[in-house]
Each structure stands twice: as C-alpha cells, then as structure tokens.
C-alpha cells in the first residue's frame, strides 16, 4: 500500500509539465494564425467557431498594439489610431506568413515584430 502512494505522487508530478506545455501552445502563432486570417477578412468568418478565432486574434493583436510604444526599441510600434483593425491584422498575417517555419514561436513576440515592421515608432 505504501508503494502506491509515491507512485501516484510521481505520476501527478509528471503530468504537470505536460499540462504546462499544452497550455503554452495557445499562445503560439500556429494557434492564432487562422483567426488572424479571418480577422484580416481572408476569408471572412462565416461560422461561429471562425468568429471566435477571429475575436481571439483581434484581442491578441489589440494587446500588442497597446503595448507597442513601450516595447524595447527593436520591437516598438506606434500604430496610428486611424488604422482599422482589419488592416492591422492583414499586416500581421502578411508578416507571419513570410516565415511559416516560425509558427511554433510565441504570438505576442512575432506580432510585435510584425507591428514594428509596419509601424515603427519614430
């Protein structure tokens, strides 16, 4: 009976790093790129799930736009308020699709690079 308790404990501990790795995936370019394509209206979302993906991307890009001016100089961006969210999403998608081998990287960092490329701060 004593042997089962440590075995269960070890099994639970081994499960946590796996769960953390899976949670990290939700922030990757690969996870968000399709929603960003919908947000950029290429193609326009039709189904509820597509709208949900588009909104998830919209929120992630909005956060990148918000923190853009306070990023380090090499990633800072200053997107004019007059630019529509669809144009911003299109710029991000165009940038990301140039390097599909980097889809496994974090979306926030890659989108910051995309925004910096399109709208660097003076």
C-alpha atoms as a PDB file:
ATOM      1  CA  UNK A   1       0.000   0.000   0.000  1.00  0.00           C
ATOM      2  CA  UNK A   2       2.866   2.383   0.764  1.00  0.00           C
ATOM      3  CA  UNK A   3       4.305   1.845  -2.706  1.00  0.00           C
ATOM      4  CA  UNK A   4       1.117   3.051  -4.437  1.00  0.00           C
ATOM      5  CA  UNK A   5       1.142   6.480  -2.765  1.00  0.00           C
ATOM      6  CA  UNK A   6       4.616   7.535  -4.034  1.00  0.00           C
ATOM      7  CA  UNK A   7       3.811   6.104  -7.442  1.00  0.00           C
ATOM      8  CA  UNK A   8       0.639   8.177  -7.691  1.00  0.00           C
ATOM      9  CA  UNK A   9       2.543  11.243  -6.496  1.00  0.00           C
ATOM     10  CA  UNK A  10       5.206  10.755  -9.185  1.00  0.00           C
ATOM     11  CA  UNK A  11       2.542  10.277 -11.849  1.00  0.00           C
ATOM     12  CA  UNK A  12       0.837  13.525 -10.816  1.00  0.00           C
ATOM     13  CA  UNK A  13       4.146  15.418 -10.894  1.00  0.00           C
ATOM     14  CA  UNK A  14       4.920  14.108 -14.350  1.00  0.00           C
ATOM     15  CA  UNK A  15       1.546  15.270 -15.598  1.00  0.00           C
ATOM     16  CA  UNK A  16       2.093  18.926 -14.637  1.00  0.00           C
ATOM     17  CA  UNK A  17       4.952  19.759 -17.042  1.00  0.00           C
ATOM     18  CA  UNK A  18       2.959  18.175 -19.862  1.00  0.00           C
ATOM     19  CA  UNK A  19      -0.074  20.263 -18.937  1.00  0.00           C
ATOM     20  CA  UNK A  20       2.087  23.403 -18.890  1.00  0.00           C
ATOM     21  CA  UNK A  21       3.493  22.644 -22.312  1.00  0.00           C
ATOM     22  CA  UNK A  22      -0.014  22.216 -23.706  1.00  0.00           C
ATOM     23  CA  UNK A  23      -1.140  25.496 -22.124  1.00  0.00           C
ATOM     24  CA  UNK A  24       1.812  27.273 -23.737  1.00  0.00           C
ATOM     25  CA  UNK A  25       0.575  26.191 -27.187  1.00  0.00           C
ATOM     26  CA  UNK A  26      -2.424  28.516 -27.005  1.00  0.00           C
ATOM     27  CA  UNK A  27      -0.071  31.475 -27.360  1.00  0.00           C
ATOM     28  CA  UNK A  28       1.740  30.262 -30.469  1.00  0.00           C
ATOM     29  CA  UNK A  29       1.466  31.738 -33.943  1.00  0.00           C
ATOM     30  CA  UNK A  30       0.262  28.354 -35.151  1.00  0.00           C
ATOM     31  CA  UNK A  31      -2.723  28.505 -32.794  1.00  0.00           C
ATOM     32  CA  UNK A  32      -3.758  32.061 -33.684  1.00  0.00           C
ATOM     33  CA  UNK A  33      -2.849  32.447 -37.369  1.00  0.00           C
ATOM     34  CA  UNK A  34      -6.145  31.140 -38.763  1.00  0.00           C
ATOM     35  CA  UNK A  35      -8.123  33.502 -36.542  1.00  0.00           C
ATOM     36  CA  UNK A  36      -5.896  36.326 -37.732  1.00  0.00           C
ATOM     37  CA  UNK A  37      -6.650  35.388 -41.319  1.00  0.00           C
ATOM     38  CA  UNK A  38     -10.354  35.670 -40.510  1.00  0.00           C
ATOM     39  CA  UNK A  39      -9.761  38.994 -38.749  1.00  0.00           C
ATOM     40  CA  UNK A  40      -7.950  40.214 -41.863  1.00  0.00           C
ATOM     41  CA  UNK A  41     -11.032  39.051 -43.817  1.00  0.00           C
ATOM     42  CA  UNK A  42      -9.130  36.446 -45.817  1.00  0.00           C
ATOM     43  CA  UNK A  43     -11.608  34.695 -45.893  1.00  0.00           C
ATOM     44  CA  UNK A  44     -14.271  36.489 -43.913  1.00  0.00           C
ATOM     45  CA  UNK A  45     -15.507  34.444 -40.949  1.00  0.00           C
ATOM     46  CA  UNK A  46     -18.767  32.609 -41.502  1.00  0.00           C
ATOM     47  CA  UNK A  47     -19.193  30.006 -38.764  1.00  0.00           C
ATOM     48  CA  UNK A  48     -19.371  30.710 -35.037  1.00  0.00           C
ATOM     49  CA  UNK A  49     -16.032  28.968 -34.441  1.00  0.00           C
ATOM     50  CA  UNK A  50     -14.398  31.179 -37.078  1.00  0.00           C
ATOM     51  CA  UNK A  51     -15.752  34.300 -35.394  1.00  0.00           C
ATOM     52  CA  UNK A  52     -14.407  33.051 -32.056  1.00  0.00           C
ATOM     53  CA  UNK A  53     -10.958  32.521 -33.586  1.00  0.00           C
ATOM     54  CA  UNK A  54     -11.097  35.970 -35.194  1.00  0.00           C
ATOM     55  CA  UNK A  55     -12.015  37.586 -31.869  1.00  0.00           C
ATOM     56  CA  UNK A  56      -9.195  35.739 -30.094  1.00  0.00           C
ATOM     57  CA  UNK A  57      -6.726  37.077 -32.637  1.00  0.00           C
ATOM     58  CA  UNK A  58      -8.261  40.559 -32.536  1.00  0.00           C
ATOM     59  CA  UNK A  59      -7.771  40.665 -28.774  1.00  0.00           C
ATOM     60  CA  UNK A  60      -4.172  39.402 -29.028  1.00  0.00           C
ATOM     61  CA  UNK A  61      -3.319  41.990 -31.680  1.00  0.00           C
ATOM     62  CA  UNK A  62      -5.055  44.762 -29.706  1.00  0.00           C
ATOM     63  CA  UNK A  63      -2.828  43.917 -26.745  1.00  0.00           C
ATOM     64  CA  UNK A  64       0.262  44.057 -28.989  1.00  0.00           C
ATOM     65  CA  UNK A  65      -0.849  47.426 -30.358  1.00  0.00           C
ATOM     66  CA  UNK A  66      -1.486  48.725 -26.831  1.00  0.00           C
ATOM     67  CA  UNK A  67       1.972  47.789 -25.514  1.00  0.00           C
ATOM     68  CA  UNK A  68       3.753  48.606 -28.794  1.00  0.00           C
ATOM     69  CA  UNK A  69       5.038  52.038 -27.770  1.00  0.00           C
ATOM     70  CA  UNK A  70       6.546  50.724 -24.519  1.00  0.00           C
ATOM     71  CA  UNK A  71       8.373  47.787 -26.123  1.00  0.00           C
ATOM     72  CA  UNK A  72      12.164  47.894 -26.445  1.00  0.00           C
ATOM     73  CA  UNK A  73      13.307  49.998 -29.406  1.00  0.00           C
ATOM     74  CA  UNK A  74      13.868  46.909 -31.593  1.00  0.00           C
ATOM     75  CA  UNK A  75      10.185  45.888 -31.195  1.00  0.00           C
ATOM     76  CA  UNK A  76       8.406  49.170 -30.506  1.00  0.00           C
ATOM     77  CA  UNK A  77       5.494  50.100 -32.719  1.00  0.00           C
ATOM     78  CA  UNK A  78       3.221  53.097 -32.980  1.00  0.00           C
ATOM     79  CA  UNK A  79       0.115  52.121 -34.931  1.00  0.00           C
ATOM     80  CA  UNK A  80      -1.943  55.227 -35.790  1.00  0.00           C
ATOM     81  CA  UNK A  81      -5.439  55.203 -34.297  1.00  0.00           C
ATOM     82  CA  UNK A  82      -6.873  55.793 -37.767  1.00  0.00           C
ATOM     83  CA  UNK A  83      -5.734  52.346 -38.990  1.00  0.00           C
ATOM     84  CA  UNK A  84      -8.587  49.836 -38.920  1.00  0.00           C
ATOM     85  CA  UNK A  85      -8.197  46.545 -37.047  1.00  0.00           C
ATOM     86  CA  UNK A  86      -8.542  44.658 -40.340  1.00  0.00           C
ATOM     87  CA  UNK A  87      -5.563  46.489 -41.837  1.00  0.00           C
ATOM     88  CA  UNK A  88      -3.503  45.807 -38.705  1.00  0.00           C
ATOM     89  CA  UNK A  89      -4.469  42.116 -38.832  1.00  0.00           C
ATOM     90  CA  UNK A  90      -3.581  41.990 -42.534  1.00  0.00           C
ATOM     91  CA  UNK A  91      -0.145  43.463 -41.822  1.00  0.00           C
ATOM     92  CA  UNK A  92       0.430  40.918 -39.048  1.00  0.00           C
ATOM     93  CA  UNK A  93      -0.742  37.985 -41.196  1.00  0.00           C
ATOM     94  CA  UNK A  94       1.401  39.080 -44.159  1.00  0.00           C
ATOM     95  CA  UNK A  95       4.458  39.319 -41.896  1.00  0.00           C
ATOM     96  CA  UNK A  96       3.835  35.983 -40.170  1.00  0.00           C
ATOM     97  CA  UNK A  97       3.192  34.090 -43.400  1.00  0.00           C
ATOM     98  CA  UNK A  98       6.600  35.120 -44.749  1.00  0.00           C
ATOM     99  CA  UNK A  99       8.212  32.801 -42.171  1.00  0.00           C
ATOM    100  CA  UNK A 100       5.939  29.752 -41.604  1.00  0.00           C
ATOM    101  CA  UNK A 101       8.847  27.876 -40.020  1.00  0.00           C
ATOM    102  CA  UNK A 102       8.476  30.249 -37.059  1.00  0.00           C
ATOM    103  CA  UNK A 103       4.798  29.408 -36.398  1.00  0.00           C
ATOM    104  CA  UNK A 104       5.803  27.499 -33.247  1.00  0.00           C
ATOM    105  CA  UNK A 105       7.029  30.733 -31.625  1.00  0.00           C
ATOM    106  CA  UNK A 106       5.018  32.938 -29.291  1.00  0.00           C
ATOM    107  CA  UNK A 107       2.387  35.043 -31.000  1.00  0.00           C
ATOM    108  CA  UNK A 108       2.941  38.141 -28.861  1.00  0.00           C
ATOM    109  CA  UNK A 109       6.604  38.401 -29.821  1.00  0.00           C
ATOM    110  CA  UNK A 110       6.047  37.680 -33.518  1.00  0.00           C
ATOM    111  CA  UNK A 111       3.114  40.116 -33.707  1.00  0.00           C
ATOM    112  CA  UNK A 112       5.246  42.785 -32.007  1.00  0.00           C
ATOM    113  CA  UNK A 113       7.890  42.247 -34.698  1.00  0.00           C
ATOM    114  CA  UNK A 114       5.186  42.480 -37.372  1.00  0.00           C
ATOM    115  CA  UNK A 115       3.828  45.736 -35.986  1.00  0.00           C
ATOM    116  CA  UNK A 116       7.340  47.152 -35.645  1.00  0.00           C
ATOM    117  CA  UNK A 117       7.991  46.278 -39.272  1.00  0.00           C
ATOM    118  CA  UNK A 118       4.853  48.082 -40.441  1.00  0.00           C
ATOM    119  CA  UNK A 119       4.645  50.966 -37.943  1.00  0.00           C
ATOM    120  CA  UNK A 120       7.942  51.570 -36.111  1.00  0.00           C
ATOM    121  CA  UNK A 121       7.951  54.327 -33.530  1.00  0.00           C
ATOM    122  CA  UNK A 122       9.896  57.456 -34.533  1.00  0.00           C
END
